[in-house]
């Protein structure tokens, strides 16, 4: 039986996964110095993680240039394997008119309903990833 394995993903693999997936979780402080908030979001990867939003906590975090983390993952229940990519950086509002026009022409949709006319970006300062294999779990534990 194979042993449990944890493998670090290289930067190219992390970027490939970020570019080919469109759903993840954005973590940021809901107010400066306050408790963290984690929200599911649809995204695109363009010079960082880009998310559409409305006025509210995500936009306030961008205005504060708050630290943020973004995570995507995948799991294969049958094979008991999974992977995760984490982007850490600062969240900022996208304000450049040319870039806003370009982003509004993309098929980026939002997770939650409503008018989401603002764009924010987590500009990466660090991107890490890992792949894990959990071989020794009982067959009834993970699905």
N, C-alpha and C. Protein backbone atom coordinates (compact mmCIF):
# COMPACT_ATOMS: atom_id res chain seq x y z
N UNK A 1 0.86 -1.18 0.00
CA UNK A 1 0.00 0.00 0.00
C UNK A 1 0.90 1.24 0.00
N UNK A 2 0.59 2.25 -0.83
CA UNK A 2 1.42 3.45 -0.87
C UNK A 2 1.36 4.22 0.45
N UNK A 3 2.40 4.95 0.73
CA UNK A 3 2.44 5.75 1.95
C UNK A 3 1.81 7.12 1.69
N UNK A 4 1.50 7.82 2.78
CA UNK A 4 1.00 9.19 2.65
C UNK A 4 2.11 10.04 2.07
N UNK A 5 1.75 10.91 1.13
CA UNK A 5 2.74 11.78 0.51
C UNK A 5 2.23 13.21 0.45
N UNK A 6 3.15 14.14 0.66
CA UNK A 6 2.88 15.56 0.50
C UNK A 6 3.95 16.11 -0.42
N UNK A 7 3.54 16.68 -1.54
CA UNK A 7 4.47 17.19 -2.53
C UNK A 7 4.20 18.66 -2.76
N UNK A 8 5.25 19.47 -2.70
CA UNK A 8 5.12 20.90 -3.02
C UNK A 8 4.96 21.06 -4.53
N UNK A 9 4.03 21.89 -4.96
CA UNK A 9 3.86 22.18 -6.39
C UNK A 9 4.81 23.30 -6.78
N UNK A 10 5.38 23.19 -7.97
CA UNK A 10 6.25 24.28 -8.43
C UNK A 10 5.40 25.45 -8.92
N UNK A 11 6.03 26.57 -9.14
CA UNK A 11 5.33 27.80 -9.51
C UNK A 11 4.54 27.65 -10.80
N UNK A 12 5.09 26.95 -11.79
CA UNK A 12 4.38 26.75 -13.06
C UNK A 12 3.10 25.95 -12.87
N UNK A 13 3.14 24.91 -12.05
CA UNK A 13 1.95 24.11 -11.79
C UNK A 13 0.90 24.93 -11.03
N UNK A 14 1.34 25.72 -10.07
CA UNK A 14 0.40 26.59 -9.34
C UNK A 14 -0.29 27.55 -10.30
N UNK A 15 0.48 28.19 -11.18
CA UNK A 15 -0.09 29.14 -12.14
C UNK A 15 -1.04 28.44 -13.11
N UNK A 16 -0.68 27.24 -13.56
CA UNK A 16 -1.55 26.48 -14.47
C UNK A 16 -2.89 26.20 -13.79
N UNK A 17 -2.85 25.76 -12.54
CA UNK A 17 -4.10 25.48 -11.82
C UNK A 17 -4.91 26.75 -11.62
N UNK A 18 -4.28 27.85 -11.26
CA UNK A 18 -5.00 29.12 -11.08
C UNK A 18 -5.64 29.59 -12.38
N UNK A 19 -4.96 29.40 -13.50
CA UNK A 19 -5.49 29.86 -14.79
C UNK A 19 -6.60 28.98 -15.32
N UNK A 20 -6.67 27.72 -14.88
CA UNK A 20 -7.66 26.80 -15.43
C UNK A 20 -8.84 26.51 -14.51
N UNK A 21 -8.89 27.17 -13.40
CA UNK A 21 -10.03 27.03 -12.49
C UNK A 21 -10.66 28.41 -12.30
N UNK A 22 -11.89 28.43 -11.79
CA UNK A 22 -12.60 29.70 -11.70
C UNK A 22 -13.40 29.86 -10.42
N UNK A 23 -13.18 28.99 -9.45
CA UNK A 23 -13.89 29.08 -8.18
C UNK A 23 -12.88 28.89 -7.04
N UNK A 24 -12.97 29.74 -6.03
CA UNK A 24 -12.08 29.62 -4.88
C UNK A 24 -12.65 30.34 -3.68
N UNK A 25 -11.80 30.54 -2.70
CA UNK A 25 -12.21 31.20 -1.46
C UNK A 25 -11.27 32.36 -1.18
N UNK A 26 -11.86 33.52 -0.92
CA UNK A 26 -11.10 34.73 -0.63
C UNK A 26 -11.18 35.00 0.87
N UNK A 27 -10.02 35.15 1.50
CA UNK A 27 -9.95 35.43 2.95
C UNK A 27 -9.34 36.81 3.13
N UNK A 28 -9.98 37.62 3.97
CA UNK A 28 -9.52 38.99 4.21
C UNK A 28 -10.11 39.46 5.53
N UNK A 29 -9.53 40.50 6.15
CA UNK A 29 -10.13 41.03 7.38
C UNK A 29 -11.39 41.81 7.03
N UNK A 30 -12.48 41.56 7.76
CA UNK A 30 -13.73 42.28 7.45
C UNK A 30 -13.66 43.74 7.86
N UNK A 31 -12.79 44.09 8.77
CA UNK A 31 -12.45 45.46 9.14
C UNK A 31 -10.99 45.43 9.54
N UNK A 32 -10.30 46.51 9.43
CA UNK A 32 -8.89 46.53 9.78
C UNK A 32 -8.72 46.05 11.22
N UNK A 33 -7.89 45.03 11.40
CA UNK A 33 -7.63 44.48 12.72
C UNK A 33 -8.73 43.59 13.26
N UNK A 34 -9.77 43.35 12.48
CA UNK A 34 -10.90 42.55 12.95
C UNK A 34 -10.70 41.08 12.55
N UNK A 35 -11.72 40.31 12.79
CA UNK A 35 -11.67 38.88 12.48
C UNK A 35 -11.64 38.65 10.97
N UNK A 36 -11.04 37.55 10.53
CA UNK A 36 -11.00 37.25 9.10
C UNK A 36 -12.37 36.82 8.59
N UNK A 37 -12.58 37.07 7.31
CA UNK A 37 -13.79 36.67 6.60
C UNK A 37 -13.33 35.77 5.45
N UNK A 38 -14.05 34.70 5.18
CA UNK A 38 -13.75 33.83 4.04
C UNK A 38 -15.02 33.69 3.23
N UNK A 39 -14.93 34.02 1.93
CA UNK A 39 -16.10 33.98 1.07
C UNK A 39 -15.80 33.18 -0.20
N UNK A 40 -16.76 32.37 -0.66
CA UNK A 40 -16.59 31.70 -1.95
C UNK A 40 -16.77 32.73 -3.07
N UNK A 41 -15.91 32.66 -4.08
CA UNK A 41 -15.97 33.61 -5.20
C UNK A 41 -15.61 32.92 -6.50
N UNK A 42 -16.16 33.43 -7.57
CA UNK A 42 -15.67 33.11 -8.91
C UNK A 42 -14.58 34.12 -9.21
N UNK A 43 -13.59 33.72 -9.98
CA UNK A 43 -12.44 34.59 -10.22
C UNK A 43 -11.86 34.32 -11.60
N UNK A 44 -10.97 35.19 -11.98
CA UNK A 44 -10.08 34.93 -13.11
C UNK A 44 -8.68 35.33 -12.66
N UNK A 45 -7.68 34.71 -13.28
CA UNK A 45 -6.30 35.01 -12.89
C UNK A 45 -5.68 35.88 -13.98
N UNK A 46 -5.47 37.16 -13.64
CA UNK A 46 -4.87 38.13 -14.55
C UNK A 46 -4.04 39.09 -13.70
N UNK A 47 -2.74 38.88 -13.68
CA UNK A 47 -1.84 39.66 -12.81
C UNK A 47 -2.26 39.53 -11.35
N UNK A 48 -2.84 38.42 -11.03
CA UNK A 48 -3.35 38.15 -9.69
C UNK A 48 -4.76 37.61 -9.78
N UNK A 49 -5.39 37.45 -8.65
CA UNK A 49 -6.75 36.93 -8.57
C UNK A 49 -7.72 38.10 -8.68
N UNK A 50 -8.54 38.10 -9.73
CA UNK A 50 -9.49 39.19 -9.98
C UNK A 50 -10.90 38.69 -9.68
N UNK A 51 -11.63 39.49 -8.91
CA UNK A 51 -12.98 39.16 -8.46
C UNK A 51 -13.87 40.36 -8.70
N UNK A 52 -15.10 40.10 -9.15
CA UNK A 52 -16.10 41.18 -9.23
C UNK A 52 -16.80 41.28 -7.88
N UNK A 53 -17.16 42.51 -7.50
CA UNK A 53 -17.81 42.69 -6.20
C UNK A 53 -18.69 43.94 -6.22
N UNK A 54 -19.41 44.13 -5.14
CA UNK A 54 -20.22 45.34 -4.95
C UNK A 54 -19.61 46.13 -3.80
N UNK A 55 -20.24 47.22 -3.44
CA UNK A 55 -19.79 47.94 -2.25
C UNK A 55 -20.00 47.03 -1.06
N UNK A 56 -19.03 46.96 -0.19
CA UNK A 56 -19.14 46.08 0.96
C UNK A 56 -17.78 45.70 1.48
N UNK A 57 -17.72 44.59 2.18
CA UNK A 57 -16.50 44.22 2.90
C UNK A 57 -15.31 43.97 2.00
N UNK A 58 -15.50 43.32 0.85
CA UNK A 58 -14.36 43.07 -0.04
C UNK A 58 -13.83 44.37 -0.60
N UNK A 59 -14.71 45.27 -1.00
CA UNK A 59 -14.27 46.56 -1.54
C UNK A 59 -13.60 47.41 -0.46
N UNK A 60 -14.14 47.36 0.77
CA UNK A 60 -13.49 48.08 1.88
C UNK A 60 -12.08 47.53 2.13
N UNK A 61 -11.93 46.22 2.07
CA UNK A 61 -10.61 45.61 2.26
C UNK A 61 -9.65 46.10 1.18
N UNK A 62 -10.15 46.24 -0.05
CA UNK A 62 -9.31 46.75 -1.13
C UNK A 62 -8.93 48.20 -0.87
N UNK A 63 -9.86 49.00 -0.40
CA UNK A 63 -9.57 50.39 -0.08
C UNK A 63 -8.55 50.53 1.03
N UNK A 64 -8.53 49.55 1.93
CA UNK A 64 -7.56 49.55 3.03
C UNK A 64 -6.24 48.91 2.64
N UNK A 65 -6.17 48.37 1.39
CA UNK A 65 -4.99 47.64 0.92
C UNK A 65 -4.65 46.52 1.91
N UNK A 66 -5.70 45.84 2.36
CA UNK A 66 -5.55 44.81 3.39
C UNK A 66 -4.83 43.58 2.85
N UNK A 67 -4.18 42.87 3.76
CA UNK A 67 -3.63 41.57 3.41
C UNK A 67 -4.76 40.61 3.14
N UNK A 68 -4.55 39.70 2.20
CA UNK A 68 -5.59 38.74 1.84
C UNK A 68 -4.93 37.43 1.41
N UNK A 69 -5.73 36.39 1.43
CA UNK A 69 -5.31 35.10 0.91
C UNK A 69 -6.43 34.56 0.05
N UNK A 70 -6.05 33.82 -0.96
CA UNK A 70 -7.01 33.20 -1.87
C UNK A 70 -6.60 31.75 -2.04
N UNK A 71 -7.57 30.83 -2.03
CA UNK A 71 -7.25 29.42 -2.10
C UNK A 71 -8.17 28.71 -3.07
N UNK A 72 -7.57 27.83 -3.88
CA UNK A 72 -8.34 26.89 -4.70
C UNK A 72 -7.86 25.49 -4.35
N UNK A 73 -8.71 24.51 -4.59
CA UNK A 73 -8.30 23.14 -4.30
C UNK A 73 -9.11 22.16 -5.13
N UNK A 74 -8.66 20.95 -5.11
CA UNK A 74 -9.36 19.87 -5.79
C UNK A 74 -9.15 18.59 -5.02
N UNK A 75 -10.15 17.71 -5.03
CA UNK A 75 -10.09 16.46 -4.31
C UNK A 75 -10.60 15.34 -5.21
N UNK A 76 -9.92 14.22 -5.20
CA UNK A 76 -10.39 13.01 -5.85
C UNK A 76 -10.72 12.02 -4.74
N UNK A 77 -12.02 11.91 -4.41
CA UNK A 77 -12.46 11.05 -3.30
C UNK A 77 -12.05 9.60 -3.51
N UNK A 78 -12.18 9.12 -4.72
CA UNK A 78 -11.89 7.71 -5.00
C UNK A 78 -10.41 7.39 -4.81
N UNK A 79 -9.55 8.27 -5.30
CA UNK A 79 -8.11 8.04 -5.21
C UNK A 79 -7.51 8.54 -3.89
N UNK A 80 -8.31 9.28 -3.11
CA UNK A 80 -7.85 9.87 -1.84
C UNK A 80 -6.65 10.78 -2.06
N UNK A 81 -6.77 11.62 -3.06
CA UNK A 81 -5.73 12.59 -3.35
C UNK A 81 -6.35 13.97 -3.42
N UNK A 82 -5.53 14.98 -3.29
CA UNK A 82 -6.03 16.35 -3.40
C UNK A 82 -4.88 17.30 -3.63
N UNK A 83 -5.23 18.52 -3.96
CA UNK A 83 -4.23 19.56 -4.17
C UNK A 83 -4.81 20.88 -3.69
N UNK A 84 -3.92 21.82 -3.44
CA UNK A 84 -4.32 23.14 -2.96
C UNK A 84 -3.30 24.17 -3.45
N UNK A 85 -3.80 25.33 -3.85
CA UNK A 85 -2.94 26.46 -4.22
C UNK A 85 -3.40 27.66 -3.41
N UNK A 86 -2.45 28.37 -2.80
CA UNK A 86 -2.76 29.56 -1.99
C UNK A 86 -1.99 30.75 -2.54
N UNK A 87 -2.72 31.84 -2.76
CA UNK A 87 -2.14 33.11 -3.18
C UNK A 87 -2.23 34.05 -2.00
N UNK A 88 -1.11 34.63 -1.62
CA UNK A 88 -1.12 35.62 -0.53
C UNK A 88 -0.61 36.94 -1.07
N UNK A 89 -1.24 38.02 -0.63
CA UNK A 89 -0.83 39.35 -1.08
C UNK A 89 -1.73 40.41 -0.50
N UNK A 90 -1.80 41.51 -1.20
CA UNK A 90 -2.66 42.64 -0.80
C UNK A 90 -3.81 42.75 -1.78
N UNK A 91 -4.98 43.07 -1.25
CA UNK A 91 -6.15 43.25 -2.11
C UNK A 91 -6.26 44.72 -2.47
N UNK A 92 -6.51 44.98 -3.75
CA UNK A 92 -6.60 46.35 -4.25
C UNK A 92 -7.77 46.46 -5.22
N UNK A 93 -8.33 47.64 -5.31
CA UNK A 93 -9.39 47.88 -6.29
C UNK A 93 -8.75 48.15 -7.64
N UNK A 94 -9.33 47.60 -8.70
CA UNK A 94 -8.89 47.89 -10.05
C UNK A 94 -9.58 49.19 -10.47
N UNK A 95 -8.80 50.21 -10.79
CA UNK A 95 -9.38 51.52 -11.12
C UNK A 95 -8.98 52.03 -12.50
N UNK A 96 -8.00 51.43 -13.15
CA UNK A 96 -7.56 51.87 -14.47
C UNK A 96 -8.69 51.65 -15.48
N UNK A 97 -9.08 52.72 -16.18
CA UNK A 97 -10.23 52.67 -17.10
C UNK A 97 -10.05 51.65 -18.21
N UNK A 98 -8.86 51.58 -18.79
CA UNK A 98 -8.62 50.62 -19.87
C UNK A 98 -8.73 49.18 -19.35
N UNK A 99 -8.17 48.93 -18.18
CA UNK A 99 -8.25 47.59 -17.62
C UNK A 99 -9.67 47.24 -17.22
N UNK A 100 -10.42 48.20 -16.68
CA UNK A 100 -11.82 47.95 -16.34
C UNK A 100 -12.63 47.60 -17.58
N UNK A 101 -12.38 48.29 -18.69
CA UNK A 101 -13.09 47.98 -19.93
C UNK A 101 -12.75 46.57 -20.40
N UNK A 102 -11.48 46.20 -20.28
CA UNK A 102 -11.05 44.86 -20.66
C UNK A 102 -11.69 43.80 -19.77
N UNK A 103 -11.70 44.04 -18.47
CA UNK A 103 -12.29 43.08 -17.54
C UNK A 103 -13.79 42.94 -17.74
N UNK A 104 -14.48 44.05 -18.03
CA UNK A 104 -15.93 43.97 -18.20
C UNK A 104 -16.31 43.20 -19.46
N UNK A 105 -15.36 43.01 -20.38
CA UNK A 105 -15.62 42.24 -21.60
C UNK A 105 -15.36 40.75 -21.40
N UNK A 106 -14.89 40.35 -20.22
CA UNK A 106 -14.62 38.94 -19.96
C UNK A 106 -15.88 38.25 -19.45
N UNK A 107 -15.90 36.93 -19.48
CA UNK A 107 -17.08 36.21 -18.97
C UNK A 107 -17.06 36.00 -17.46
N UNK A 108 -16.28 36.79 -16.73
CA UNK A 108 -16.22 36.63 -15.27
C UNK A 108 -17.58 36.92 -14.66
N UNK A 109 -18.14 35.92 -14.01
CA UNK A 109 -19.44 36.07 -13.34
C UNK A 109 -19.21 36.07 -11.84
N UNK A 110 -20.22 36.40 -11.09
CA UNK A 110 -20.09 36.45 -9.64
C UNK A 110 -20.75 35.24 -9.00
N UNK A 111 -20.28 34.90 -7.81
CA UNK A 111 -20.85 33.80 -7.05
C UNK A 111 -22.23 34.19 -6.50
N UNK A 112 -22.31 35.37 -5.93
CA UNK A 112 -23.57 35.83 -5.34
C UNK A 112 -24.32 36.72 -6.34
N UNK A 113 -25.64 36.74 -6.27
CA UNK A 113 -26.42 37.59 -7.18
C UNK A 113 -26.27 39.07 -6.83
N UNK A 114 -26.70 39.91 -7.74
CA UNK A 114 -26.69 41.35 -7.50
C UNK A 114 -25.73 42.08 -8.41
N UNK A 115 -25.80 43.40 -8.35
CA UNK A 115 -24.94 44.25 -9.16
C UNK A 115 -23.52 44.22 -8.59
N UNK A 116 -22.60 43.72 -9.35
CA UNK A 116 -21.20 43.61 -8.93
C UNK A 116 -20.36 44.38 -9.94
N UNK A 117 -20.36 45.69 -9.83
CA UNK A 117 -19.72 46.53 -10.84
C UNK A 117 -18.28 46.92 -10.51
N UNK A 118 -17.76 46.47 -9.38
CA UNK A 118 -16.38 46.77 -9.00
C UNK A 118 -15.51 45.52 -9.23
N UNK A 119 -14.25 45.76 -9.49
CA UNK A 119 -13.28 44.67 -9.62
C UNK A 119 -12.18 44.88 -8.58
N UNK A 120 -11.82 43.80 -7.91
CA UNK A 120 -10.69 43.85 -6.98
C UNK A 120 -9.69 42.77 -7.40
N UNK A 121 -8.46 42.95 -6.95
CA UNK A 121 -7.40 41.99 -7.29
C UNK A 121 -6.57 41.70 -6.05
N UNK A 122 -6.27 40.43 -5.84
CA UNK A 122 -5.25 40.06 -4.88
C UNK A 122 -3.95 39.99 -5.67
N UNK A 123 -3.10 40.99 -5.46
CA UNK A 123 -1.81 41.03 -6.16
C UNK A 123 -0.86 40.11 -5.40
N UNK A 124 -0.39 39.03 -6.03
CA UNK A 124 0.39 38.03 -5.30
C UNK A 124 1.73 38.54 -4.82
N UNK A 125 2.03 38.25 -3.57
CA UNK A 125 3.39 38.40 -3.07
C UNK A 125 4.00 37.01 -2.90
N UNK A 126 3.12 36.00 -2.77
CA UNK A 126 3.58 34.62 -2.67
C UNK A 126 2.49 33.67 -3.16
N UNK A 127 2.90 32.69 -3.96
CA UNK A 127 1.99 31.65 -4.44
C UNK A 127 2.62 30.31 -4.08
N UNK A 128 1.86 29.48 -3.36
CA UNK A 128 2.36 28.17 -2.97
C UNK A 128 1.29 27.13 -3.26
N UNK A 129 1.72 25.90 -3.40
CA UNK A 129 0.77 24.82 -3.64
C UNK A 129 1.33 23.50 -3.19
N UNK A 130 0.42 22.57 -2.99
CA UNK A 130 0.85 21.23 -2.62
C UNK A 130 -0.17 20.20 -3.08
N UNK A 131 0.32 19.01 -3.24
CA UNK A 131 -0.51 17.85 -3.60
C UNK A 131 -0.32 16.82 -2.50
N UNK A 132 -1.43 16.18 -2.12
CA UNK A 132 -1.35 15.21 -1.03
C UNK A 132 -2.04 13.91 -1.44
N UNK A 133 -1.48 12.82 -0.97
CA UNK A 133 -2.07 11.50 -1.14
C UNK A 133 -2.24 10.90 0.25
N UNK A 134 -3.44 10.51 0.57
CA UNK A 134 -3.73 9.93 1.89
C UNK A 134 -4.10 8.47 1.67
N UNK A 135 -3.14 7.59 1.76
CA UNK A 135 -3.35 6.20 1.40
C UNK A 135 -3.89 5.33 2.52
N UNK A 136 -3.63 5.66 3.76
CA UNK A 136 -3.91 4.74 4.86
C UNK A 136 -5.22 5.03 5.60
N UNK A 137 -6.13 5.73 4.98
CA UNK A 137 -7.42 5.96 5.64
C UNK A 137 -8.35 4.79 5.39
N UNK A 138 -9.23 4.47 6.33
CA UNK A 138 -10.23 3.42 6.06
C UNK A 138 -11.10 3.85 4.89
N UNK A 139 -11.53 2.91 4.10
CA UNK A 139 -12.31 3.22 2.89
C UNK A 139 -13.60 3.95 3.20
N UNK A 140 -14.11 3.85 4.41
CA UNK A 140 -15.36 4.52 4.77
C UNK A 140 -15.14 5.95 5.27
N UNK A 141 -13.88 6.36 5.50
CA UNK A 141 -13.63 7.68 6.07
C UNK A 141 -13.85 8.80 5.06
N UNK A 142 -13.39 8.65 3.85
CA UNK A 142 -13.37 9.73 2.87
C UNK A 142 -14.31 9.44 1.72
N UNK A 143 -15.42 8.98 1.93
CA UNK A 143 -16.38 8.78 0.85
C UNK A 143 -16.64 7.36 0.59
